[in-house]
Amino acid sequence: MKLLATFTTLLLGSLLIGCQSTASRASQEDVPAVAADEQLDQQLARLVAEHGIRTAGVGVIRNGELVWTGYYGEQSTGVPASRETLFNVASISKVITTEAVLRLVGEGRLSLDEPMAAHWVDPDLADDPRHELLTPRMVLTHTTGFPNWRFLLEDRKLKFLHDPGTTYGYSGEGFEYLARYVEEKLDRDFGDVVNDVVIEPIGMSHAAFSIDESAFGDLAQPLNEQGEFAGHYCRPNGWCRKPGTYSAADDMMVSVESYAKFMLAVMNADGYSEHLAAERNHVHTEKGSQANVDCSHVPEDQCPQVQGFGLGWEVLDYGDSKLLSHGGSDWAELALAYFHTGSRDGLLIFFNAPPERAMAAMPAAIRALDPDSPMENLYQRRFEKMKAAQGGAL
């Protein structure tokens, strides 16, 4: 299951630089001299235009190196997307939080199995003794028992839907809880911690975990279906995030190249031991019916031996190699990043667009860049589910 086989064979032609796309040039210092095939570049530009994707960024990693980036559409009205463009990557932010925690564990400043109650108890859980069972490991493996978000519950209060450590349940609340625990234990703002242990050491020069107004000029502008821009970090209902705040589960801004640097650091287990990296890559929690790969719809060699959540990352375990991935989606963005531990090949795709448009385009984008990827089927199934929910109108 060689990643990017078709892309590798296409890295032979000249590079198309046009009004709709900007692909990385060989002269860039931090991107190796590998040109993109003109036909592939045109295909991606056409895909973005056909689906109404406002902004797109793509990065291809091969043998542990970023070999190509492509940028399509507009960053804002009249401003083409470029290598400086920042994307809101939604829930992919969770693996940045994961990396910060793992690096702190590697330094001996945190423990994955320490009860978080020693430093933080959410007021909503104060009367439920199960809060004493919560650990960072449960957060990273999505077994806290929390809902995804408390505001989705009728009373908008955090509560346990299951006993901690017993059942898989994807939860952004868990990551917010973990960040608050880290803040209380280290007596530091978690956004500053992430900057100190992840962003700066890796050299992610175009990234901000906390909302940085000074970077808004480079941030892809989200538009609703009517083409309206309500402001950066403002939802269609009028609610806006405040500058200087962060979410441990959502909304960081980052360029394609800076996120690729992060992925390479994760591959190399920079900042912690190989033993801890092996724990990260091990499936701790199986997702059951929510598994990424439906083995009845993929070739046998693309069916993993086991799949689920490792520490922060979703893991497809193929025995001799593992695929680590994470996606992110919200009202105006869809993002995907993954890599193979064996070949050290990887792919990242960032879309700035309403979810219906982005989800329709994602399977084709994956297929164009990595036709053997099991992730294509996952996003095709998600698109079909979205389409069915809207009465087949997409």
Protein backbone atom coordinates (compact mmCIF):
# COMPACT_ATOMS: atom_id res chain seq x y z
CA MET A 1 0.00 0.00 0.00
CA LYS A 2 2.53 2.55 -1.19
CA LEU A 3 1.39 6.09 -0.42
CA LEU A 4 1.33 8.63 -3.23
CA ALA A 5 2.40 6.15 -5.91
CA THR A 6 0.61 8.04 -8.66
CA PHE A 7 1.87 11.37 -7.42
CA THR A 8 5.43 10.07 -7.44
CA THR A 9 5.16 9.06 -11.08
CA LEU A 10 3.76 12.49 -11.92
CA LEU A 11 6.61 14.48 -10.40
CA LEU A 12 8.21 14.78 -13.82
CA GLY A 13 6.66 17.70 -15.61
CA SER A 14 6.91 21.45 -15.41
CA LEU A 15 4.98 23.53 -12.87
CA LEU A 16 1.85 25.45 -13.77
CA ILE A 17 1.76 28.89 -12.20
CA GLY A 18 -1.54 30.57 -13.04
CA CYS A 19 -4.22 32.81 -11.68
CA GLN A 20 -6.04 29.93 -10.01
CA SER A 21 -3.13 28.07 -8.45
CA THR A 22 0.27 28.64 -6.96
CA ALA A 23 2.47 25.59 -6.49
CA SER A 24 5.80 25.55 -4.70
CA ARG A 25 8.85 26.51 -6.74
CA ALA A 26 12.15 24.66 -6.54
CA SER A 27 13.87 27.89 -5.48
CA GLN A 28 12.16 27.91 -2.08
CA GLU A 29 14.75 27.22 0.58
CA ASP A 30 12.71 24.94 2.80
CA VAL A 31 10.91 22.91 0.11
CA PRO A 32 13.03 20.39 -1.85
CA ALA A 33 13.45 20.88 -5.57
CA VAL A 34 10.60 18.66 -6.78
CA ALA A 35 8.24 20.08 -9.39
CA ALA A 36 4.58 19.17 -9.69
CA ASP A 37 3.18 17.70 -12.87
CA GLU A 38 1.24 20.33 -14.80
CA GLN A 39 -1.69 18.01 -15.38
CA LEU A 40 -2.08 17.25 -11.67
CA ASP A 41 -1.81 20.91 -10.75
CA GLN A 42 -4.50 21.78 -13.28
CA GLN A 43 -6.68 18.95 -11.98
CA LEU A 44 -6.55 20.30 -8.44
CA ALA A 45 -7.21 23.87 -9.58
CA ARG A 46 -10.20 22.66 -11.59
CA LEU A 47 -11.48 20.63 -8.63
CA VAL A 48 -11.35 23.66 -6.35
CA ALA A 49 -13.16 25.83 -8.89
CA GLU A 50 -15.84 23.25 -9.69
CA HIS A 51 -16.76 22.76 -6.03
CA GLY A 52 -16.65 26.42 -5.09
CA ILE A 53 -13.78 26.03 -2.62
CA ARG A 54 -12.73 29.56 -1.67
CA THR A 55 -9.23 28.61 -0.50
CA ALA A 56 -7.23 25.38 -0.64
CA GLY A 57 -3.75 24.33 0.41
CA VAL A 58 -2.12 20.95 -0.21
CA GLY A 59 1.14 19.44 1.02
CA VAL A 60 2.79 16.17 -0.01
CA ILE A 61 5.38 14.44 2.18
CA ARG A 62 7.54 11.68 0.72
CA ASN A 63 10.25 9.72 2.54
CA GLY A 64 10.07 12.11 5.46
CA GLU A 65 10.41 15.31 3.39
CA LEU A 66 7.92 17.91 2.22
CA VAL A 67 8.29 17.62 -1.55
CA TRP A 68 5.44 19.72 -2.89
CA THR A 69 2.84 22.27 -1.88
CA GLY A 70 -0.02 23.70 -3.91
CA TYR A 71 -2.31 26.67 -3.25
CA TYR A 72 -5.61 27.36 -4.99
CA GLY A 73 -8.38 29.92 -4.97
CA GLU A 74 -8.34 33.18 -3.05
CA GLN A 75 -7.17 33.94 0.46
CA SER A 76 -9.49 36.93 0.41
CA THR A 77 -11.17 38.92 -2.33
CA GLY A 78 -8.55 39.70 -4.96
CA VAL A 79 -5.72 38.03 -3.00
CA PRO A 80 -4.65 34.62 -4.35
CA ALA A 81 -3.81 31.82 -1.94
CA SER A 82 -0.08 31.38 -1.37
CA ARG A 83 2.46 29.74 0.92
CA GLU A 84 1.83 32.55 3.45
CA THR A 85 -1.89 31.76 3.65
CA LEU A 86 -3.05 30.62 7.08
CA PHE A 87 -5.90 28.15 7.45
CA ASN A 88 -8.23 27.51 10.36
CA VAL A 89 -7.75 23.73 10.67
CA ALA A 90 -10.58 23.05 13.16
CA SER A 91 -10.15 19.79 15.10
CA ILE A 92 -6.69 19.05 13.74
CA SER A 93 -5.73 21.42 16.56
CA LYS A 94 -6.23 18.44 18.87
CA VAL A 95 -3.01 16.78 17.74
CA ILE A 96 -1.11 20.01 18.45
CA THR A 97 -2.47 19.77 22.00
CA THR A 98 -1.53 16.10 22.03
CA GLU A 99 2.03 16.87 20.98
CA ALA A 100 2.38 19.50 23.70
CA VAL A 101 1.21 17.04 26.34
CA LEU A 102 3.49 14.27 25.08
CA ARG A 103 6.49 16.60 25.12
CA LEU A 104 5.65 17.63 28.68
CA VAL A 105 5.38 13.96 29.63
CA GLY A 106 8.74 13.35 27.94
CA GLU A 107 10.24 16.10 30.11
CA GLY A 108 8.76 14.55 33.24
CA ARG A 109 6.51 17.55 33.90
CA LEU A 110 3.26 15.62 33.40
CA SER A 111 2.06 12.03 33.67
CA LEU A 112 -0.41 10.40 31.32
CA ASP A 113 -1.97 8.47 34.19
CA GLU A 114 -2.11 11.11 36.90
CA PRO A 115 -5.63 11.90 38.14
CA MET A 116 -6.37 15.38 36.83
CA ALA A 117 -8.54 16.07 39.87
CA ALA A 118 -5.37 16.82 41.82
CA HIS A 119 -5.18 20.09 39.87
CA TRP A 120 -8.52 20.70 38.15
CA VAL A 121 -12.17 19.77 38.63
CA ASP A 122 -14.80 21.37 36.42
CA PRO A 123 -17.49 22.96 38.62
CA ASP A 124 -20.18 21.05 36.71
CA LEU A 125 -18.60 17.77 37.89
CA ALA A 126 -17.81 18.71 41.48
CA ASP A 127 -20.62 16.57 42.90
CA ASP A 128 -19.87 13.54 40.72
CA PRO A 129 -17.08 11.45 42.29
CA ARG A 130 -16.18 10.01 38.90
CA HIS A 131 -14.20 13.17 38.18
CA GLU A 132 -11.46 11.65 40.35
CA LEU A 133 -10.91 8.93 37.71
CA LEU A 134 -10.09 11.28 34.84
CA THR A 135 -6.53 11.17 33.45
CA PRO A 136 -4.74 12.76 30.47
CA ARG A 137 -4.60 9.34 28.80
CA MET A 138 -8.40 9.11 28.85
CA VAL A 139 -8.62 12.48 27.12
CA LEU A 140 -6.14 11.54 24.39
CA THR A 141 -7.91 8.22 23.76
CA HIS A 142 -11.40 9.79 23.90
CA THR A 143 -12.62 7.71 26.83
CA THR A 144 -13.48 10.47 29.32
CA GLY A 145 -17.18 9.69 29.08
CA PHE A 146 -17.88 13.33 28.13
CA PRO A 147 -20.09 14.53 25.27
CA ASN A 148 -18.34 16.23 22.39
CA TRP A 149 -19.49 19.64 23.69
CA ARG A 150 -21.57 20.53 26.73
CA PHE A 151 -23.52 23.15 24.76
CA LEU A 152 -25.02 20.29 22.75
CA LEU A 153 -26.75 19.00 25.90
CA GLU A 154 -30.13 20.34 26.92
CA ASP A 155 -28.92 21.98 30.13
CA ARG A 156 -25.53 22.96 28.60
CA LYS A 157 -23.68 21.52 31.59
CA LEU A 158 -20.77 19.12 31.44
CA LYS A 159 -21.63 15.62 32.57
CA PHE A 160 -20.58 12.02 32.13
CA LEU A 161 -22.46 10.08 29.48
CA HIS A 162 -20.40 6.99 30.40
CA ASP A 163 -18.05 6.01 33.20
CA PRO A 164 -14.54 7.32 32.51
CA GLY A 165 -12.22 4.85 30.83
CA THR A 166 -14.95 2.48 29.64
CA THR A 167 -16.34 3.64 26.30
CA TYR A 168 -15.17 5.52 23.21
CA GLY A 169 -16.76 8.92 22.76
CA TYR A 170 -15.14 11.68 20.72
CA SER A 171 -14.92 14.76 22.91
CA GLY A 172 -13.68 18.28 22.40
CA GLU A 173 -14.63 18.93 26.02
CA GLY A 174 -12.00 16.40 27.06
CA PHE A 175 -9.25 18.41 25.39
CA GLU A 176 -10.44 21.63 26.99
CA TYR A 177 -10.41 19.83 30.34
CA LEU A 178 -6.88 18.60 29.70
CA ALA A 179 -5.67 22.09 28.84
CA ARG A 180 -7.14 23.49 32.05
CA TYR A 181 -5.42 20.72 34.03
CA VAL A 182 -2.07 21.61 32.42
CA GLU A 183 -2.62 25.30 33.16
CA GLU A 184 -3.39 24.66 36.82
CA LYS A 185 -0.49 22.25 37.30
CA LEU A 186 2.14 24.36 35.53
CA ASP A 187 0.62 27.75 36.43
CA ARG A 188 0.87 28.90 32.83
CA ASP A 189 -1.56 29.77 30.04
CA PHE A 190 -1.93 26.67 27.87
CA GLY A 191 -1.59 28.69 24.67
CA ASP A 192 1.80 29.91 25.89
CA VAL A 193 2.77 26.33 26.79
CA VAL A 194 1.94 25.14 23.28
CA ASN A 195 3.97 27.96 21.81
CA ASP A 196 6.96 27.17 24.03
CA VAL A 197 7.07 23.39 23.63
CA VAL A 198 5.68 22.85 20.13
CA ILE A 199 5.41 25.86 17.83
CA GLU A 200 8.75 27.55 18.53
CA PRO A 201 10.95 24.43 18.85
CA ILE A 202 9.59 22.99 15.60
CA GLY A 203 10.00 26.30 13.78
CA MET A 204 6.35 26.73 12.84
CA SER A 205 6.83 30.35 11.81
CA HIS A 206 3.36 30.65 10.26
CA ALA A 207 1.16 29.29 13.05
CA ALA A 208 -0.84 30.60 16.00
CA PHE A 209 -2.56 28.42 18.58
CA SER A 210 -4.23 31.35 20.32
CA ILE A 211 -6.20 33.85 18.24
CA ASP A 212 -3.76 36.45 16.91
CA GLU A 213 -5.37 39.51 15.32
CA SER A 214 -2.06 40.56 13.79
CA ALA A 215 -2.18 37.42 11.60
CA PHE A 216 -5.68 38.04 10.23
CA GLY A 217 -4.25 39.60 7.08
CA ASP A 218 -2.92 36.17 6.06
CA LEU A 219 -5.86 34.11 7.32
CA ALA A 220 -8.18 32.63 4.69
CA GLN A 221 -11.50 34.44 4.95
CA PRO A 222 -14.44 32.11 5.68
CA LEU A 223 -17.63 32.81 3.76
CA ASN A 224 -21.08 31.36 4.26
CA GLU A 225 -23.14 29.85 1.43
CA GLN A 226 -24.31 33.34 0.47
CA GLY A 227 -20.70 34.54 0.12
CA GLU A 228 -20.85 36.72 3.23
CA PHE A 229 -17.85 37.32 5.52
CA ALA A 230 -18.87 37.91 9.14
CA GLY A 231 -15.34 38.35 10.44
CA HIS A 232 -12.53 36.02 11.44
CA TYR A 233 -13.53 33.56 14.16
CA CYS A 234 -17.13 34.75 13.92
CA ARG A 235 -19.87 32.21 13.32
CA PRO A 236 -22.91 32.88 11.13
CA ASN A 237 -25.06 33.28 14.26
CA GLY A 238 -22.97 36.29 15.29
CA TRP A 239 -20.86 34.71 18.06
CA CYS A 240 -17.15 35.57 17.83
CA ARG A 241 -14.07 34.21 19.57
CA LYS A 242 -12.03 36.81 21.45
CA PRO A 243 -8.46 37.67 20.46
CA GLY A 244 -5.87 36.05 22.73
CA THR A 245 -8.09 33.09 23.58
CA TYR A 246 -7.45 29.52 22.45
CA SER A 247 -9.25 26.25 22.06
CA ALA A 248 -7.32 23.07 22.85
CA ALA A 249 -9.68 21.22 20.49
CA ASP A 250 -10.30 23.61 17.62
CA ASP A 251 -9.49 26.69 15.57
CA MET A 252 -5.70 27.09 15.43
CA MET A 253 -4.40 28.94 12.35
CA VAL A 254 -1.47 27.52 10.42
CA SER A 255 0.11 27.47 6.96
CA VAL A 256 0.59 24.29 4.94
CA GLU A 257 4.37 24.34 5.32
CA SER A 258 4.30 24.98 9.07
CA TYR A 259 1.86 22.12 9.59
CA ALA A 260 4.06 19.88 7.45
CA LYS A 261 6.99 20.74 9.74
CA PHE A 262 4.83 19.65 12.64
CA MET A 263 4.00 16.34 10.96
CA LEU A 264 7.69 15.66 10.34
CA ALA A 265 8.48 16.36 13.99
CA VAL A 266 5.76 13.88 15.00
CA MET A 267 7.21 11.27 12.63
CA ASN A 268 10.62 11.77 14.22
CA ALA A 269 9.22 11.72 17.79
CA ASP A 270 11.16 14.89 18.50
CA GLY A 271 10.86 15.82 22.16
CA TYR A 272 10.11 12.42 23.66
CA SER A 273 11.24 8.80 23.64
CA GLU A 274 10.61 6.10 21.06
CA HIS A 275 8.71 4.24 23.79
CA LEU A 276 6.27 7.13 24.21
CA ALA A 277 5.97 7.43 20.42
CA ALA A 278 5.09 3.74 20.28
CA GLU A 279 2.34 4.38 22.85
CA ARG A 280 1.10 7.24 20.69
CA ASN A 281 0.97 4.95 17.66
CA HIS A 282 -0.75 2.06 19.46
CA VAL A 283 -4.52 1.64 19.22
CA HIS A 284 -5.81 2.12 22.77
CA THR A 285 -9.48 2.62 21.90
CA GLU A 286 -11.36 0.94 19.09
CA LYS A 287 -14.21 2.95 17.57
CA GLY A 288 -16.50 0.07 16.68
CA SER A 289 -19.14 1.07 14.14
CA GLN A 290 -17.51 4.51 13.84
CA ALA A 291 -14.24 3.08 12.52
CA ASN A 292 -12.59 5.03 9.70
CA VAL A 293 -12.19 2.07 7.34
CA ASP A 294 -15.26 0.05 6.38
CA CYS A 295 -13.49 -3.16 5.36
CA SER A 296 -16.47 -4.25 3.27
CA HIS A 297 -15.78 -1.34 0.90
CA VAL A 298 -12.00 -1.45 0.46
CA PRO A 299 -9.51 -3.97 -0.97
CA GLU A 300 -8.27 -6.54 1.51
CA ASP A 301 -4.78 -5.01 1.72
CA GLN A 302 -6.33 -1.72 2.81
CA CYS A 303 -8.17 -3.27 5.75
CA PRO A 304 -6.19 -2.64 8.95
CA GLN A 305 -5.64 -5.33 11.55
CA VAL A 306 -6.99 -2.95 14.18
CA GLN A 307 -8.09 0.68 14.09
CA GLY A 308 -9.10 3.36 16.54
CA PHE A 309 -7.48 6.07 18.65
CA GLY A 310 -3.90 6.03 19.80
CA LEU A 311 -2.78 9.00 21.87
CA GLY A 312 -4.52 11.89 20.16
CA TRP A 313 -4.17 10.44 16.66
CA GLU A 314 -6.46 8.04 14.84
CA VAL A 315 -4.48 4.92 13.97
CA LEU A 316 -4.88 2.32 11.24
CA ASP A 317 -2.60 -0.56 12.21
CA TYR A 318 -1.46 -2.64 9.24
CA GLY A 319 1.15 -4.59 11.20
CA ASP A 320 4.34 -3.54 9.45
CA SER A 321 3.16 0.07 9.17
CA LYS A 322 0.61 2.34 10.75
CA LEU A 323 -1.30 5.27 9.32
CA LEU A 324 -1.81 8.15 11.75
CA SER A 325 -4.46 10.67 10.83
CA HIS A 326 -6.71 13.42 12.08
CA GLY A 327 -9.39 15.47 10.42
CA GLY A 328 -11.11 18.71 11.22
CA SER A 329 -14.39 20.23 10.08
CA ASP A 330 -16.57 23.15 11.01
CA TRP A 331 -18.99 25.54 9.37
CA ALA A 332 -16.35 26.95 6.99
CA GLU A 333 -13.42 24.53 6.95
CA LEU A 334 -12.43 20.94 6.27
CA ALA A 335 -8.91 19.70 6.96
CA LEU A 336 -7.13 16.37 6.78
CA ALA A 337 -3.59 15.29 7.66
CA TYR A 338 -2.08 11.80 7.74
CA PHE A 339 1.18 9.90 7.40
CA HIS A 340 2.54 6.37 7.31
CA THR A 341 5.06 5.37 9.97
CA GLY A 342 6.74 2.89 7.60
CA SER A 343 7.25 4.79 4.34
CA ARG A 344 7.19 8.19 6.11
CA ASP A 345 4.90 9.43 3.35
CA GLY A 346 2.10 11.82 4.18
CA LEU A 347 -0.54 14.17 2.89
CA LEU A 348 -2.34 17.25 4.14
CA ILE A 349 -5.29 19.02 2.56
CA PHE A 350 -6.80 22.24 3.93
CA PHE A 351 -10.09 23.60 2.53
CA ASN A 352 -11.68 26.93 3.43
CA ALA A 353 -15.30 26.45 2.33
CA PRO A 354 -18.76 25.56 3.65
CA PRO A 355 -18.83 21.87 4.68
CA GLU A 356 -21.10 20.69 1.87
CA ARG A 357 -18.75 21.98 -0.81
CA ALA A 358 -15.60 20.88 0.99
CA MET A 359 -16.89 17.37 1.74
CA ALA A 360 -17.91 16.90 -1.90
CA ALA A 361 -14.42 17.87 -3.06
CA MET A 362 -12.33 15.98 -0.50
CA PRO A 363 -12.68 12.42 -1.89
CA ALA A 364 -11.62 13.59 -5.34
CA ALA A 365 -8.66 15.53 -3.93
CA ILE A 366 -7.46 12.48 -2.00
CA ARG A 367 -7.93 10.29 -5.06
CA ALA A 368 -5.91 12.68 -7.22
CA LEU A 369 -2.96 12.78 -4.83
CA ASP A 370 -3.11 9.35 -3.20
CA PRO A 371 -5.35 6.93 -5.13
CA ASP A 372 -4.62 3.99 -2.79
CA SER A 373 -5.54 5.88 0.35
CA PRO A 374 -8.19 4.36 2.65
CA MET A 375 -9.15 7.92 3.57
CA GLU A 376 -10.88 8.47 0.23
CA ASN A 377 -13.53 5.92 1.12
CA LEU A 378 -14.01 7.49 4.55
CA TYR A 379 -14.70 10.93 3.10
CA GLN A 380 -16.86 9.53 0.34
CA ARG A 381 -19.01 7.82 2.97
CA ARG A 382 -19.20 11.03 4.98
CA PHE A 383 -20.25 12.96 1.89
CA GLU A 384 -22.94 10.40 1.04
CA LYS A 385 -24.22 10.58 4.62
CA MET A 386 -24.33 14.38 4.45
CA LYS A 387 -26.06 14.21 1.09
CA ALA A 388 -28.68 11.76 2.40
CA ALA A 389 -29.35 13.96 5.43
CA GLN A 390 -30.16 16.84 3.09
CA GLY A 391 -32.41 14.79 0.89
CA GLY A 392 -29.86 14.24 -1.86
CA ALA A 393 -29.76 17.97 -2.65
CA LEU A 394 -25.97 18.36 -2.61
